[in-house]
Protein backbone atom coordinates (compact mmCIF):
# COMPACT_ATOMS: atom_id res chain seq x y z
CA UNK A 1 -21.39 213.65 84.58
CA UNK A 2 -21.48 214.96 81.44
CA UNK A 3 -20.07 218.66 80.39
CA UNK A 4 -22.54 220.80 78.51
CA UNK A 5 -20.73 223.86 76.87
CA UNK A 6 -22.36 226.97 74.85
CA UNK A 7 -20.40 228.63 72.50
CA UNK A 8 -20.21 230.56 69.66
CA UNK A 9 -17.84 230.05 66.77
CA UNK A 10 -16.03 233.40 65.61
CA UNK A 11 -14.57 232.57 62.20
CA UNK A 12 -12.20 234.27 60.03
CA UNK A 13 -12.44 233.48 56.21
CA UNK A 14 -10.53 234.62 53.32
CA UNK A 15 -10.66 234.04 49.68
CA UNK A 16 -7.14 232.69 48.14
CA UNK A 17 -7.16 232.12 44.45
CA UNK A 18 -10.35 230.88 43.70
CA UNK A 19 -11.25 229.13 46.97
CA UNK A 20 -12.49 230.39 50.22
CA UNK A 21 -10.78 229.53 53.51
CA UNK A 22 -10.70 229.68 56.97
CA UNK A 23 -7.47 231.77 58.35
CA UNK A 24 -8.68 231.98 61.99
CA UNK A 25 -11.18 229.22 64.45
CA UNK A 26 -12.14 230.54 67.46
CA UNK A 27 -15.23 229.61 69.84
CA UNK A 28 -16.57 232.15 72.17
CA UNK A 29 -17.42 230.54 75.22
CA UNK A 30 -20.80 231.76 76.81
CA UNK A 31 -21.62 229.18 79.36
CA UNK A 32 -21.27 225.76 80.53
CA UNK A 33 -23.02 223.33 83.61
CA UNK A 34 -22.53 219.41 84.18
CA UNK A 35 -25.90 217.47 83.94
CA UNK A 36 -25.34 213.65 85.59
CA UNK A 37 -25.23 211.22 82.70
CA UNK A 38 -27.91 208.93 85.35
CA UNK A 39 -30.59 211.66 86.59
CA UNK A 40 -30.57 212.25 90.25
CA UNK A 41 -27.34 211.33 90.79
CA UNK A 42 -24.74 214.04 91.71
CA UNK A 43 -21.18 214.13 92.37
CA UNK A 44 -19.22 216.48 94.59
CA UNK A 45 -17.83 219.37 93.21
CA UNK A 46 -15.01 221.65 94.93
CA UNK A 47 -16.48 225.20 95.16
CA UNK A 48 -13.46 226.79 96.00
CA UNK A 49 -11.90 225.06 92.82
CA UNK A 50 -14.38 225.75 90.55
CA UNK A 51 -14.76 229.40 91.21
CA UNK A 52 -10.93 229.84 90.17
CA UNK A 53 -11.94 229.45 86.43
CA UNK A 54 -13.17 231.76 84.04
CA UNK A 55 -17.11 231.95 84.88
CA UNK A 56 -17.88 231.22 80.84
CA UNK A 57 -16.52 228.20 80.93
CA UNK A 58 -16.02 227.33 84.73
CA UNK A 59 -17.22 223.56 84.49
CA UNK A 60 -15.32 222.84 81.47
CA UNK A 61 -12.22 224.31 83.37
CA UNK A 62 -12.93 221.82 86.29
CA UNK A 63 -12.98 219.06 84.81
CA UNK A 64 -9.75 219.42 82.36
CA UNK A 65 -7.07 218.62 85.07
CA UNK A 66 -8.90 216.06 85.92
CA UNK A 67 -8.60 214.84 82.11
CA UNK A 68 -5.10 215.53 82.36
CA UNK A 69 -5.69 218.76 80.60
CA UNK A 70 -4.16 222.49 80.96
CA UNK A 71 -6.78 225.00 81.40
CA UNK A 72 -6.47 228.31 78.63
CA UNK A 73 -7.74 231.10 81.29
CA UNK A 74 -7.45 233.65 78.50
CA UNK A 75 -10.29 232.33 76.02
CA UNK A 76 -12.79 234.67 75.70
CA UNK A 77 -16.50 234.78 77.18
CA UNK A 78 -19.35 236.91 76.46
CA UNK A 79 -17.75 240.08 77.34
CA UNK A 80 -13.90 240.76 79.06
CA UNK A 81 -10.75 242.25 77.82
CA UNK A 82 -10.36 238.84 75.60
CA UNK A 83 -13.51 239.28 73.32
CA UNK A 84 -12.36 242.58 73.28
CA UNK A 85 -9.13 242.25 71.71
CA UNK A 86 -10.32 239.62 69.51
CA UNK A 87 -12.71 242.40 67.90
CA UNK A 88 -10.29 245.39 68.00
CA UNK A 89 -7.76 242.66 66.06
CA UNK A 90 -10.33 241.30 63.96
CA UNK A 91 -11.26 244.65 63.15
CA UNK A 92 -7.62 245.91 62.06
CA UNK A 93 -7.40 242.67 59.93
CA UNK A 94 -10.55 243.21 58.02
CA UNK A 95 -9.68 246.48 57.54
CA UNK A 96 -6.19 245.63 56.31
CA UNK A 97 -7.57 243.91 53.37
CA UNK A 98 -9.91 246.48 52.05
């Protein structure tokens, strides 16, 4: 199986001296899914476990523990308190730069 993730990158840039630098890089997850590597084949998925992960990166979250990774459950998705907090924090950061 192959995990396909659709996300957008939310980046903050700052001019430091004469150079622009990335000061913050955050993916915002929109959706994901699993595709069989060989068409017509599929692996069994534990529906209850799958449903325990955040909706916008559910399949990625499902696969990460199987690879020995820890799933961050507070990553921003399309809507929700995580993305709202991200926008609020960065609006304050932008206002402080003026």
